[in-house]
Amino acid sequence: MFSCLPRTPRGSSLKNDKTEGHGSIWRHRVHSCLQRLWPFSRKGKILTKVSQDRDSSDQGEKASASMDLQEHHRVSRVSAETVVKLVNNLVPSLQEGDPFFVHAFLSKYRSFATPLQVLDLLFMRYANFSPYSEEDEQVKNTLCSFLHTWMDKNPEDFCDPLDLFPLKYVKAYLSVYMPHSDLIDHVSMLLTQLQQEQVKHSEEKEEED
């Protein structure tokens, strides 16, 4: 799926996972990481909004998210609330069969947010899944699909050997919530490749010095 990697056969984005209980330690670490990286920590109302149940918040966001994305260029600054609303609509838009919103978002989001900020918001929103829930399995599959699309469409957001944190962040999240997904295999391969390039770059720099 990735531009930086050989293509592999496509299959279900999420393989059967019946080992939900073994990741509590890593889940705590990911939650701690999310809290440290939270880009809008000074805005208590935003944090409260993100922590609300995703089902109850979807109804009020879907109608205006696309309009906000189309109109964001008319203002000099996109509010944190609008960024939250846009990110919250990514997975629901794919579930409803609307790929346009995701592609439009990925084309424009760099003008008002960073990759880490989007990952923060996305992972905070999908930080709780019920075991053996068919609905949550569908959400996981759709989330994997979005991340695949993002890495294919904007590989520069993840393929910088000098900045591996976004990719490590994705891997840490997947290792907790989707440890048997095809996506984590791709991410691990890409991360190994970029780490090798990072070592090579460091060695070349040392030789020049």
N, C-alpha and C. Protein backbone atom coordinates (compact mmCIF):
# COMPACT_ATOMS: atom_id res chain seq x y z
N MET A 1 0.81 -1.21 0.00
CA MET A 1 0.00 0.00 0.00
C MET A 1 0.84 1.25 0.00
N PHE A 2 2.02 1.20 0.56
CA PHE A 2 2.80 2.41 0.72
C PHE A 2 3.65 2.66 -0.51
N SER A 3 3.87 3.94 -0.80
CA SER A 3 4.72 4.29 -1.90
C SER A 3 6.15 3.88 -1.64
N CYS A 4 6.55 3.77 -0.38
CA CYS A 4 7.93 3.47 -0.03
C CYS A 4 8.19 1.98 0.07
N LEU A 5 7.16 1.16 -0.14
CA LEU A 5 7.31 -0.27 0.07
C LEU A 5 6.77 -1.04 -1.11
N PRO A 6 7.25 -2.30 -1.33
CA PRO A 6 6.64 -3.16 -2.34
C PRO A 6 5.20 -3.43 -1.97
N ARG A 7 4.34 -3.53 -2.95
CA ARG A 7 2.94 -3.79 -2.68
C ARG A 7 2.74 -5.23 -2.27
N THR A 8 1.81 -5.43 -1.36
CA THR A 8 1.48 -6.77 -0.91
C THR A 8 0.02 -7.02 -1.20
N PRO A 9 -0.42 -8.28 -1.26
CA PRO A 9 -1.83 -8.55 -1.59
C PRO A 9 -2.75 -7.88 -0.60
N ARG A 10 -3.79 -7.31 -1.14
CA ARG A 10 -4.76 -6.64 -0.28
C ARG A 10 -5.68 -7.67 0.34
N GLY A 11 -6.03 -7.44 1.56
CA GLY A 11 -6.97 -8.31 2.25
C GLY A 11 -7.72 -7.49 3.25
N SER A 12 -8.28 -8.14 4.20
CA SER A 12 -8.97 -7.42 5.26
C SER A 12 -7.97 -6.59 6.02
N SER A 13 -8.32 -5.34 6.29
CA SER A 13 -7.40 -4.47 7.01
C SER A 13 -7.19 -4.94 8.43
N LEU A 14 -8.12 -5.71 8.93
CA LEU A 14 -7.99 -6.17 10.30
C LEU A 14 -8.22 -7.66 10.33
N LYS A 15 -7.23 -8.41 10.81
CA LYS A 15 -7.38 -9.83 10.96
C LYS A 15 -8.10 -10.12 12.26
N ASN A 16 -8.56 -11.35 12.42
CA ASN A 16 -9.27 -11.71 13.64
C ASN A 16 -8.39 -11.50 14.84
N ASP A 17 -8.87 -10.75 15.80
CA ASP A 17 -8.11 -10.46 17.01
C ASP A 17 -8.97 -10.76 18.21
N LYS A 18 -8.62 -11.82 18.94
CA LYS A 18 -9.39 -12.19 20.13
C LYS A 18 -8.55 -12.09 21.38
N THR A 19 -7.51 -11.25 21.31
CA THR A 19 -6.63 -11.09 22.47
C THR A 19 -6.69 -9.67 22.95
N GLU A 20 -7.88 -9.21 23.28
CA GLU A 20 -8.10 -7.82 23.63
C GLU A 20 -7.48 -7.43 24.95
N GLY A 21 -7.30 -8.38 25.87
CA GLY A 21 -6.95 -8.01 27.23
C GLY A 21 -5.48 -7.89 27.52
N HIS A 22 -4.60 -8.28 26.57
CA HIS A 22 -3.19 -8.36 26.90
C HIS A 22 -2.46 -7.04 26.73
N GLY A 23 -3.11 -6.00 26.21
CA GLY A 23 -2.39 -4.76 25.90
C GLY A 23 -2.60 -3.65 26.89
N SER A 24 -3.00 -3.95 28.12
CA SER A 24 -3.34 -2.87 29.05
C SER A 24 -2.15 -2.00 29.37
N ILE A 25 -0.96 -2.58 29.47
CA ILE A 25 0.23 -1.79 29.79
C ILE A 25 0.54 -0.84 28.65
N TRP A 26 0.54 -1.36 27.42
CA TRP A 26 0.82 -0.51 26.28
C TRP A 26 -0.28 0.52 26.08
N ARG A 27 -1.53 0.13 26.40
CA ARG A 27 -2.62 1.09 26.26
C ARG A 27 -2.40 2.28 27.18
N HIS A 28 -1.92 2.02 28.39
CA HIS A 28 -1.63 3.10 29.32
C HIS A 28 -0.51 3.98 28.78
N ARG A 29 0.50 3.36 28.18
CA ARG A 29 1.62 4.15 27.64
C ARG A 29 1.17 5.02 26.48
N VAL A 30 0.34 4.46 25.61
CA VAL A 30 -0.16 5.25 24.48
C VAL A 30 -1.01 6.41 24.98
N HIS A 31 -1.86 6.14 25.98
CA HIS A 31 -2.69 7.22 26.53
C HIS A 31 -1.82 8.31 27.13
N SER A 32 -0.74 7.92 27.83
CA SER A 32 0.16 8.91 28.42
C SER A 32 0.83 9.73 27.33
N CYS A 33 1.22 9.05 26.26
CA CYS A 33 1.86 9.74 25.14
C CYS A 33 0.89 10.72 24.50
N LEU A 34 -0.35 10.29 24.32
CA LEU A 34 -1.35 11.17 23.74
C LEU A 34 -1.56 12.41 24.59
N GLN A 35 -1.58 12.22 25.91
CA GLN A 35 -1.79 13.36 26.80
C GLN A 35 -0.62 14.34 26.73
N ARG A 36 0.61 13.81 26.62
CA ARG A 36 1.78 14.70 26.54
C ARG A 36 1.80 15.48 25.23
N LEU A 37 1.31 14.84 24.16
CA LEU A 37 1.42 15.45 22.85
C LEU A 37 0.21 16.29 22.47
N TRP A 38 -0.82 16.25 23.30
CA TRP A 38 -2.07 16.94 22.97
C TRP A 38 -1.83 18.38 22.60
N PRO A 39 -2.13 18.78 21.35
CA PRO A 39 -1.75 20.12 20.88
C PRO A 39 -2.64 21.24 21.36
N PHE A 40 -3.81 20.93 21.89
CA PHE A 40 -4.73 21.97 22.30
C PHE A 40 -5.02 21.86 23.79
N SER A 41 -4.00 21.53 24.59
CA SER A 41 -4.23 21.24 26.01
C SER A 41 -4.71 22.46 26.78
N ARG A 42 -4.48 23.64 26.26
CA ARG A 42 -4.93 24.84 26.96
C ARG A 42 -6.41 25.10 26.76
N LYS A 43 -7.03 24.37 25.85
CA LYS A 43 -8.44 24.60 25.57
C LYS A 43 -9.25 23.47 26.19
N GLY A 44 -9.67 23.67 27.44
CA GLY A 44 -10.38 22.62 28.15
C GLY A 44 -11.64 22.18 27.45
N LYS A 45 -12.32 23.11 26.81
CA LYS A 45 -13.57 22.72 26.16
C LYS A 45 -13.32 21.81 24.98
N ILE A 46 -12.14 21.95 24.32
CA ILE A 46 -11.82 21.08 23.20
C ILE A 46 -11.56 19.67 23.72
N LEU A 47 -10.77 19.57 24.80
CA LEU A 47 -10.46 18.27 25.36
C LEU A 47 -11.74 17.57 25.80
N THR A 48 -12.65 18.32 26.38
CA THR A 48 -13.92 17.74 26.79
C THR A 48 -14.69 17.24 25.58
N LYS A 49 -14.65 18.00 24.50
CA LYS A 49 -15.37 17.61 23.29
C LYS A 49 -14.83 16.31 22.72
N VAL A 50 -13.49 16.17 22.73
CA VAL A 50 -12.88 14.98 22.16
C VAL A 50 -13.19 13.76 23.00
N SER A 51 -13.27 13.92 24.31
CA SER A 51 -13.48 12.79 25.20
C SER A 51 -14.92 12.32 25.27
N GLN A 52 -15.83 13.03 24.61
CA GLN A 52 -17.23 12.62 24.62
C GLN A 52 -17.40 11.34 23.82
N ASP A 53 -18.46 10.64 24.08
CA ASP A 53 -18.77 9.42 23.34
C ASP A 53 -18.92 9.74 21.86
N ARG A 54 -18.22 8.96 21.02
CA ARG A 54 -18.19 9.31 19.61
C ARG A 54 -19.54 9.17 18.93
N ASP A 55 -20.38 8.29 19.41
CA ASP A 55 -21.69 8.13 18.78
C ASP A 55 -22.56 9.36 19.00
N SER A 56 -22.51 9.94 20.21
CA SER A 56 -23.37 11.09 20.50
C SER A 56 -22.89 12.35 19.82
N SER A 57 -21.59 12.42 19.50
CA SER A 57 -21.07 13.65 18.90
C SER A 57 -21.13 13.65 17.38
N ASP A 58 -21.25 12.48 16.77
CA ASP A 58 -21.23 12.40 15.31
C ASP A 58 -22.38 13.17 14.68
N GLN A 59 -23.56 13.14 15.29
CA GLN A 59 -24.74 13.71 14.67
C GLN A 59 -24.59 15.19 14.39
N GLY A 60 -23.97 15.92 15.31
CA GLY A 60 -23.85 17.36 15.13
C GLY A 60 -22.68 17.79 14.28
N GLU A 61 -21.78 16.86 13.97
CA GLU A 61 -20.55 17.23 13.26
C GLU A 61 -20.61 16.96 11.77
N LYS A 62 -21.31 15.90 11.36
CA LYS A 62 -21.24 15.47 9.96
C LYS A 62 -21.75 16.53 9.00
N ALA A 63 -22.82 17.22 9.39
CA ALA A 63 -23.46 18.16 8.48
C ALA A 63 -22.57 19.33 8.13
N SER A 64 -21.75 19.79 9.08
CA SER A 64 -20.96 21.00 8.85
C SER A 64 -19.50 20.74 8.56
N ALA A 65 -19.00 19.52 8.71
CA ALA A 65 -17.58 19.26 8.55
C ALA A 65 -17.12 19.53 7.12
N SER A 66 -17.87 19.08 6.13
CA SER A 66 -17.48 19.29 4.74
C SER A 66 -17.47 20.77 4.40
N MET A 67 -18.47 21.51 4.90
CA MET A 67 -18.52 22.94 4.64
C MET A 67 -17.33 23.64 5.28
N ASP A 68 -16.95 23.23 6.49
CA ASP A 68 -15.80 23.84 7.16
C ASP A 68 -14.53 23.61 6.35
N LEU A 69 -14.39 22.42 5.78
CA LEU A 69 -13.21 22.12 5.00
C LEU A 69 -13.15 22.96 3.73
N GLN A 70 -14.29 23.16 3.08
CA GLN A 70 -14.34 23.94 1.85
C GLN A 70 -14.13 25.43 2.12
N GLU A 71 -14.55 25.88 3.29
CA GLU A 71 -14.52 27.30 3.58
C GLU A 71 -13.31 27.74 4.40
N HIS A 72 -12.42 26.80 4.78
CA HIS A 72 -11.36 27.18 5.71
C HIS A 72 -10.42 28.23 5.13
N HIS A 73 -10.29 28.29 3.79
CA HIS A 73 -9.37 29.24 3.19
C HIS A 73 -9.87 30.68 3.28
N ARG A 74 -11.13 30.87 3.66
CA ARG A 74 -11.68 32.22 3.74
C ARG A 74 -11.30 32.93 5.04
N VAL A 75 -10.77 32.19 5.99
CA VAL A 75 -10.34 32.80 7.24
C VAL A 75 -8.84 32.61 7.38
N SER A 76 -8.21 33.50 8.11
CA SER A 76 -6.76 33.45 8.23
C SER A 76 -6.31 32.34 9.18
N ARG A 77 -7.22 31.87 10.03
CA ARG A 77 -6.85 30.86 11.00
C ARG A 77 -8.02 29.93 11.27
N VAL A 78 -7.76 28.63 11.20
CA VAL A 78 -8.80 27.65 11.50
C VAL A 78 -8.79 27.38 13.00
N SER A 79 -9.94 27.45 13.63
CA SER A 79 -10.01 27.25 15.07
C SER A 79 -9.73 25.80 15.44
N ALA A 80 -9.31 25.60 16.67
CA ALA A 80 -9.05 24.25 17.16
C ALA A 80 -10.32 23.42 17.13
N GLU A 81 -11.46 24.05 17.42
CA GLU A 81 -12.73 23.33 17.40
C GLU A 81 -13.04 22.81 16.00
N THR A 82 -12.73 23.62 14.99
CA THR A 82 -12.99 23.20 13.62
C THR A 82 -12.09 22.03 13.23
N VAL A 83 -10.82 22.08 13.65
CA VAL A 83 -9.90 20.98 13.36
C VAL A 83 -10.41 19.68 13.98
N VAL A 84 -10.87 19.77 15.23
CA VAL A 84 -11.43 18.59 15.91
C VAL A 84 -12.62 18.04 15.12
N LYS A 85 -13.49 18.93 14.67
CA LYS A 85 -14.68 18.51 13.95
C LYS A 85 -14.31 17.84 12.62
N LEU A 86 -13.32 18.40 11.93
CA LEU A 86 -12.89 17.80 10.66
C LEU A 86 -12.31 16.41 10.87
N VAL A 87 -11.43 16.28 11.86
CA VAL A 87 -10.81 14.98 12.13
C VAL A 87 -11.86 13.96 12.56
N ASN A 88 -12.82 14.40 13.37
CA ASN A 88 -13.86 13.49 13.84
C ASN A 88 -14.73 12.95 12.71
N ASN A 89 -14.74 13.65 11.58
CA ASN A 89 -15.59 13.23 10.47
C ASN A 89 -14.87 12.32 9.48
N LEU A 90 -13.58 12.06 9.66
CA LEU A 90 -12.82 11.28 8.69
C LEU A 90 -13.33 9.85 8.57
N VAL A 91 -13.39 9.15 9.69
CA VAL A 91 -13.85 7.76 9.67
C VAL A 91 -15.33 7.65 9.29
N PRO A 92 -16.23 8.46 9.90
CA PRO A 92 -17.64 8.38 9.49
C PRO A 92 -17.87 8.63 8.00
N SER A 93 -17.10 9.55 7.41
CA SER A 93 -17.30 9.84 5.98
C SER A 93 -16.97 8.61 5.13
N LEU A 94 -15.93 7.87 5.50
CA LEU A 94 -15.60 6.65 4.76
C LEU A 94 -16.65 5.57 4.98
N GLN A 95 -17.16 5.48 6.19
CA GLN A 95 -18.19 4.48 6.47
C GLN A 95 -19.47 4.76 5.69
N GLU A 96 -19.70 6.02 5.37
CA GLU A 96 -20.89 6.40 4.62
C GLU A 96 -20.65 6.38 3.12
N GLY A 97 -19.45 5.95 2.70
CA GLY A 97 -19.16 5.83 1.28
C GLY A 97 -18.79 7.14 0.60
N ASP A 98 -18.26 8.08 1.35
CA ASP A 98 -17.89 9.38 0.78
C ASP A 98 -16.37 9.56 0.84
N PRO A 99 -15.63 9.12 -0.20
CA PRO A 99 -14.17 9.26 -0.18
C PRO A 99 -13.70 10.68 -0.45
N PHE A 100 -14.57 11.54 -0.97
CA PHE A 100 -14.16 12.89 -1.33
C PHE A 100 -13.66 13.67 -0.11
N PHE A 101 -14.38 13.52 1.01
CA PHE A 101 -14.00 14.31 2.18
C PHE A 101 -12.58 14.00 2.63
N VAL A 102 -12.22 12.71 2.66
CA VAL A 102 -10.88 12.32 3.09
C VAL A 102 -9.82 12.87 2.15
N HIS A 103 -10.03 12.74 0.86
CA HIS A 103 -9.04 13.23 -0.10
C HIS A 103 -8.92 14.75 -0.03
N ALA A 104 -10.04 15.44 0.16
CA ALA A 104 -9.98 16.90 0.29
C ALA A 104 -9.24 17.29 1.56
N PHE A 105 -9.52 16.59 2.64
CA PHE A 105 -8.85 16.87 3.92
C PHE A 105 -7.34 16.67 3.78
N LEU A 106 -6.93 15.55 3.21
CA LEU A 106 -5.50 15.26 3.08
C LEU A 106 -4.79 16.25 2.16
N SER A 107 -5.52 16.84 1.25
CA SER A 107 -4.93 17.83 0.34
C SER A 107 -4.75 19.19 1.01
N LYS A 108 -5.56 19.48 2.04
CA LYS A 108 -5.59 20.83 2.60
C LYS A 108 -5.13 20.93 4.05
N TYR A 109 -5.09 19.82 4.78
CA TYR A 109 -4.93 19.95 6.24
C TYR A 109 -3.61 20.56 6.66
N ARG A 110 -2.58 20.45 5.82
CA ARG A 110 -1.27 20.99 6.18
C ARG A 110 -1.30 22.51 6.34
N SER A 111 -2.33 23.15 5.82
CA SER A 111 -2.43 24.60 5.95
C SER A 111 -2.94 25.02 7.33
N PHE A 112 -3.45 24.07 8.11
CA PHE A 112 -3.96 24.45 9.43
C PHE A 112 -3.61 23.46 10.54
N ALA A 113 -2.88 22.38 10.24
CA ALA A 113 -2.51 21.42 11.27
C ALA A 113 -1.27 20.65 10.82
N THR A 114 -0.63 19.98 11.76
CA THR A 114 0.53 19.14 11.46
C THR A 114 0.08 17.68 11.48
N PRO A 115 0.88 16.78 10.89
CA PRO A 115 0.53 15.35 10.96
C PRO A 115 0.36 14.85 12.39
N LEU A 116 1.22 15.30 13.30
CA LEU A 116 1.11 14.84 14.68
C LEU A 116 -0.17 15.32 15.34
N GLN A 117 -0.58 16.54 15.03
CA GLN A 117 -1.83 17.04 15.60
C GLN A 117 -3.02 16.21 15.13
N VAL A 118 -3.03 15.86 13.84
CA VAL A 118 -4.12 15.04 13.31
C VAL A 118 -4.09 13.65 13.95
N LEU A 119 -2.90 13.07 14.08
CA LEU A 119 -2.79 11.76 14.73
C LEU A 119 -3.27 11.82 16.18
N ASP A 120 -2.88 12.88 16.88
CA ASP A 120 -3.31 13.06 18.27
C ASP A 120 -4.84 13.02 18.37
N LEU A 121 -5.48 13.85 17.55
CA LEU A 121 -6.94 13.95 17.60
C LEU A 121 -7.60 12.64 17.21
N LEU A 122 -7.06 12.00 16.18
CA LEU A 122 -7.63 10.75 15.70
C LEU A 122 -7.51 9.65 16.75
N PHE A 123 -6.34 9.55 17.37
CA PHE A 123 -6.12 8.48 18.34
C PHE A 123 -6.83 8.76 19.67
N MET A 124 -6.99 10.03 20.01
CA MET A 124 -7.77 10.35 21.20
C MET A 124 -9.24 9.98 20.99
N ARG A 125 -9.72 10.21 19.80
CA ARG A 125 -11.13 9.92 19.52
C ARG A 125 -11.39 8.41 19.55
N TYR A 126 -10.44 7.64 19.01
CA TYR A 126 -10.62 6.19 18.95
C TYR A 126 -9.67 5.52 19.93
N ALA A 127 -9.87 5.83 21.20
CA ALA A 127 -9.02 5.29 22.26
C ALA A 127 -9.74 4.25 23.10
N ASN A 128 -10.98 3.96 22.76
CA ASN A 128 -11.74 2.97 23.53
C ASN A 128 -12.56 2.11 22.59
N PHE A 129 -12.34 0.81 22.66
CA PHE A 129 -13.11 -0.14 21.86
C PHE A 129 -13.66 -1.24 22.77
N SER A 130 -14.87 -1.67 22.47
CA SER A 130 -15.46 -2.76 23.24
C SER A 130 -15.01 -4.10 22.65
N PRO A 131 -14.62 -5.03 23.50
CA PRO A 131 -14.19 -6.34 22.97
C PRO A 131 -15.36 -7.07 22.32
N TYR A 132 -15.06 -7.72 21.19
CA TYR A 132 -16.02 -8.53 20.46
C TYR A 132 -17.22 -7.72 19.95
N SER A 133 -17.00 -6.42 19.74
CA SER A 133 -18.06 -5.58 19.19
C SER A 133 -17.91 -5.51 17.68
N GLU A 134 -18.93 -5.94 16.96
CA GLU A 134 -18.88 -5.91 15.50
C GLU A 134 -18.78 -4.48 14.99
N GLU A 135 -19.49 -3.58 15.63
CA GLU A 135 -19.44 -2.17 15.21
C GLU A 135 -18.03 -1.60 15.38
N ASP A 136 -17.40 -1.92 16.50
CA ASP A 136 -16.04 -1.41 16.73
C ASP A 136 -15.04 -2.05 15.77
N GLU A 137 -15.27 -3.30 15.39
CA GLU A 137 -14.40 -3.94 14.40
C GLU A 137 -14.49 -3.20 13.07
N GLN A 138 -15.70 -2.76 12.72
CA GLN A 138 -15.88 -2.01 11.48
C GLN A 138 -15.16 -0.66 11.56
N VAL A 139 -15.22 -0.03 12.74
CA VAL A 139 -14.52 1.24 12.93
C VAL A 139 -13.01 1.02 12.78
N LYS A 140 -12.49 -0.04 13.36
CA LYS A 140 -11.06 -0.34 13.25
C LYS A 140 -10.66 -0.54 11.79
N ASN A 141 -11.48 -1.30 11.05
CA ASN A 141 -11.19 -1.53 9.63
C ASN A 141 -11.16 -0.21 8.86
N THR A 142 -12.13 0.65 9.16
CA THR A 142 -12.21 1.93 8.45
C THR A 142 -11.04 2.83 8.83
N LEU A 143 -10.66 2.80 10.10
CA LEU A 143 -9.52 3.60 10.54
C LEU A 143 -8.24 3.12 9.85
N CYS A 144 -8.07 1.81 9.74
CA CYS A 144 -6.93 1.27 9.01
C CYS A 144 -6.94 1.73 7.55
N SER A 145 -8.12 1.73 6.96
CA SER A 145 -8.25 2.17 5.57
C SER A 145 -7.85 3.62 5.42
N PHE A 146 -8.27 4.46 6.36
CA PHE A 146 -7.88 5.87 6.29
C PHE A 146 -6.38 6.04 6.41
N LEU A 147 -5.75 5.34 7.36
CA LEU A 147 -4.31 5.47 7.54
C LEU A 147 -3.56 4.96 6.31
N HIS A 148 -4.04 3.88 5.70
CA HIS A 148 -3.47 3.40 4.44
C HIS A 148 -3.52 4.50 3.39
N THR A 149 -4.70 5.10 3.25
CA THR A 149 -4.90 6.15 2.24
C THR A 149 -3.98 7.34 2.51
N TRP A 150 -3.88 7.73 3.76
CA TRP A 150 -3.03 8.86 4.13
C TRP A 150 -1.57 8.58 3.75
N MET A 151 -1.08 7.41 4.09
CA MET A 151 0.32 7.08 3.80
C MET A 151 0.58 6.95 2.31
N ASP A 152 -0.43 6.52 1.56
CA ASP A 152 -0.28 6.44 0.11
C ASP A 152 -0.30 7.83 -0.54
N LYS A 153 -1.25 8.66 -0.08
CA LYS A 153 -1.45 9.97 -0.71
C LYS A 153 -0.40 10.98 -0.28
N ASN A 154 0.00 10.94 1.00
CA ASN A 154 0.98 11.89 1.54
C ASN A 154 2.15 11.15 2.18
N PRO A 155 2.94 10.42 1.41
CA PRO A 155 4.03 9.64 2.01
C PRO A 155 5.06 10.51 2.72
N GLU A 156 5.17 11.77 2.31
CA GLU A 156 6.14 12.66 2.94
C GLU A 156 5.82 12.91 4.41
N ASP A 157 4.57 12.67 4.81
CA ASP A 157 4.20 12.86 6.22
C ASP A 157 4.77 11.76 7.11
N PHE A 158 5.19 10.65 6.49
CA PHE A 158 5.66 9.51 7.27
C PHE A 158 7.02 8.98 6.85
N CYS A 159 7.50 9.35 5.69
CA CYS A 159 8.70 8.74 5.11
C CYS A 159 9.95 9.59 5.25
N ASP A 160 10.00 10.47 6.21
CA ASP A 160 11.19 11.28 6.44
C ASP A 160 12.12 10.55 7.41
N PRO A 161 13.28 10.06 6.94
CA PRO A 161 14.17 9.31 7.84
C PRO A 161 14.72 10.15 8.98
N LEU A 162 14.63 11.48 8.86
CA LEU A 162 15.11 12.35 9.93
C LEU A 162 14.03 12.63 10.98
N ASP A 163 12.81 12.21 10.71
CA ASP A 163 11.72 12.40 11.67
C ASP A 163 10.82 11.16 11.64
N LEU A 164 11.15 10.19 12.44
CA LEU A 164 10.41 8.92 12.45
C LEU A 164 9.29 8.89 13.48
N PHE A 165 9.13 9.98 14.23
CA PHE A 165 8.15 9.94 15.31
C PHE A 165 6.72 9.68 14.84
N PRO A 166 6.24 10.32 13.76
CA PRO A 166 4.87 10.03 13.32
C PRO A 166 4.64 8.54 13.04
N LEU A 167 5.61 7.93 12.40
CA LEU A 167 5.47 6.51 12.08
C LEU A 167 5.54 5.64 13.34
N LYS A 168 6.42 6.00 14.27
CA LYS A 168 6.49 5.27 15.54
C LYS A 168 5.20 5.43 16.33
N TYR A 169 4.62 6.59 16.22
CA TYR A 169 3.37 6.89 16.91
C TYR A 169 2.25 5.99 16.40
N VAL A 170 2.17 5.88 15.06
CA VAL A 170 1.17 5.01 14.45
C VAL A 170 1.39 3.56 14.88
N LYS A 171 2.64 3.13 14.87
CA LYS A 171 2.94 1.74 15.26
C LYS A 171 2.55 1.48 16.71
N ALA A 172 2.82 2.44 17.61
CA ALA A 172 2.48 2.27 19.02
C ALA A 172 0.97 2.13 19.20
N TYR A 173 0.23 2.95 18.48
CA TYR A 173 -1.24 2.86 18.57
C TYR A 173 -1.74 1.52 18.05
N LEU A 174 -1.24 1.11 16.89
CA LEU A 174 -1.69 -0.14 16.30
C LEU A 174 -1.31 -1.34 17.15
N SER A 175 -0.16 -1.28 17.80
CA SER A 175 0.27 -2.40 18.62
C SER A 175 -0.66 -2.65 19.80
N VAL A 176 -1.39 -1.61 20.21
CA VAL A 176 -2.34 -1.74 21.31
C VAL A 176 -3.71 -2.16 20.80
N TYR A 177 -4.21 -1.47 19.79
CA TYR A 177 -5.60 -1.63 19.39
C TYR A 177 -5.81 -2.57 18.20
N MET A 178 -4.79 -2.70 17.34
CA MET A 178 -4.91 -3.57 16.16
C MET A 178 -3.60 -4.32 15.92
N PRO A 179 -3.17 -5.12 16.89
CA PRO A 179 -1.84 -5.75 16.79
C PRO A 179 -1.73 -6.79 15.70
N HIS A 180 -2.85 -7.27 15.16
CA HIS A 180 -2.81 -8.29 14.12
C HIS A 180 -3.29 -7.77 12.77
N SER A 181 -3.31 -6.47 12.61
CA SER A 181 -3.76 -5.88 11.35
C SER A 181 -2.66 -5.96 10.30
N ASP A 182 -3.07 -5.97 9.04
CA ASP A 182 -2.10 -5.89 7.95
C ASP A 182 -1.32 -4.58 8.02
N LEU A 183 -1.99 -3.52 8.47
CA LEU A 183 -1.36 -2.20 8.49
C LEU A 183 -0.13 -2.17 9.38
N ILE A 184 -0.16 -2.82 10.53
CA ILE A 184 1.00 -2.76 11.42
C ILE A 184 2.19 -3.47 10.79
N ASP A 185 1.93 -4.50 9.97
CA ASP A 185 3.03 -5.16 9.27
C ASP A 185 3.68 -4.20 8.28
N HIS A 186 2.87 -3.45 7.55
CA HIS A 186 3.39 -2.45 6.60
C HIS A 186 4.18 -1.37 7.33
N VAL A 187 3.62 -0.88 8.43
CA VAL A 187 4.27 0.18 9.18
C VAL A 187 5.61 -0.30 9.73
N SER A 188 5.67 -1.52 10.23
CA SER A 188 6.92 -2.06 10.77
C SER A 188 7.98 -2.17 9.69
N MET A 189 7.58 -2.62 8.51
CA MET A 189 8.53 -2.73 7.40
C MET A 189 9.06 -1.36 6.99
N LEU A 190 8.15 -0.41 6.89
CA LEU A 190 8.55 0.94 6.50
C LEU A 190 9.47 1.56 7.55
N LEU A 191 9.15 1.35 8.82
CA LEU A 191 9.95 1.90 9.89
C LEU A 191 11.36 1.32 9.88
N THR A 192 11.47 0.01 9.66
CA THR A 192 12.78 -0.62 9.58
C THR A 192 13.60 -0.04 8.44
N GLN A 193 12.95 0.14 7.30
CA GLN A 193 13.63 0.71 6.13
C GLN A 193 14.14 2.12 6.42
N LEU A 194 13.31 2.94 7.02
CA LEU A 194 13.69 4.32 7.30
C LEU A 194 14.75 4.40 8.39
N GLN A 195 14.70 3.51 9.36
CA GLN A 195 15.73 3.49 10.40
C GLN A 195 17.09 3.15 9.81
N GLN A 196 17.11 2.25 8.84
CA GLN A 196 18.36 1.93 8.16
C GLN A 196 18.90 3.13 7.41
N GLU A 197 17.99 3.87 6.76
CA GLU A 197 18.41 5.09 6.06
C GLU A 197 18.92 6.13 7.05
N GLN A 198 18.29 6.19 8.22
CA GLN A 198 18.72 7.14 9.25
C GLN A 198 20.13 6.82 9.73
N VAL A 199 20.41 5.55 9.96
CA VAL A 199 21.75 5.14 10.38
C VAL A 199 22.77 5.47 9.30
N LYS A 200 22.42 5.19 8.06
CA LYS A 200 23.33 5.48 6.94
C LYS A 200 23.62 6.97 6.85
N HIS A 201 22.58 7.78 7.02
CA HIS A 201 22.75 9.23 6.97
C HIS A 201 23.66 9.71 8.09
N SER A 202 23.49 9.15 9.28
CA SER A 202 24.32 9.54 10.43
C SER A 202 25.78 9.17 10.20
N GLU A 203 26.00 7.99 9.62
CA GLU A 203 27.37 7.55 9.35
C GLU A 203 28.03 8.46 8.31
N GLU A 204 27.28 8.81 7.29
CA GLU A 204 27.82 9.69 6.25
C GLU A 204 28.16 11.06 6.82
N LYS A 205 27.30 11.54 7.72
CA LYS A 205 27.55 12.85 8.32
C LYS A 205 28.79 12.82 9.20
N GLU A 206 28.97 11.72 9.94
CA GLU A 206 30.16 11.57 10.78
C GLU A 206 31.43 11.55 9.94
N GLU A 207 31.36 10.87 8.79
CA GLU A 207 32.53 10.81 7.92
C GLU A 207 32.86 12.20 7.37
N GLU A 208 31.83 12.98 7.04
CA GLU A 208 32.07 14.33 6.53
C GLU A 208 32.69 15.20 7.60
N ASP A 209 32.22 15.03 8.84
CA ASP A 209 32.77 15.84 9.94
C ASP A 209 34.22 15.45 10.22
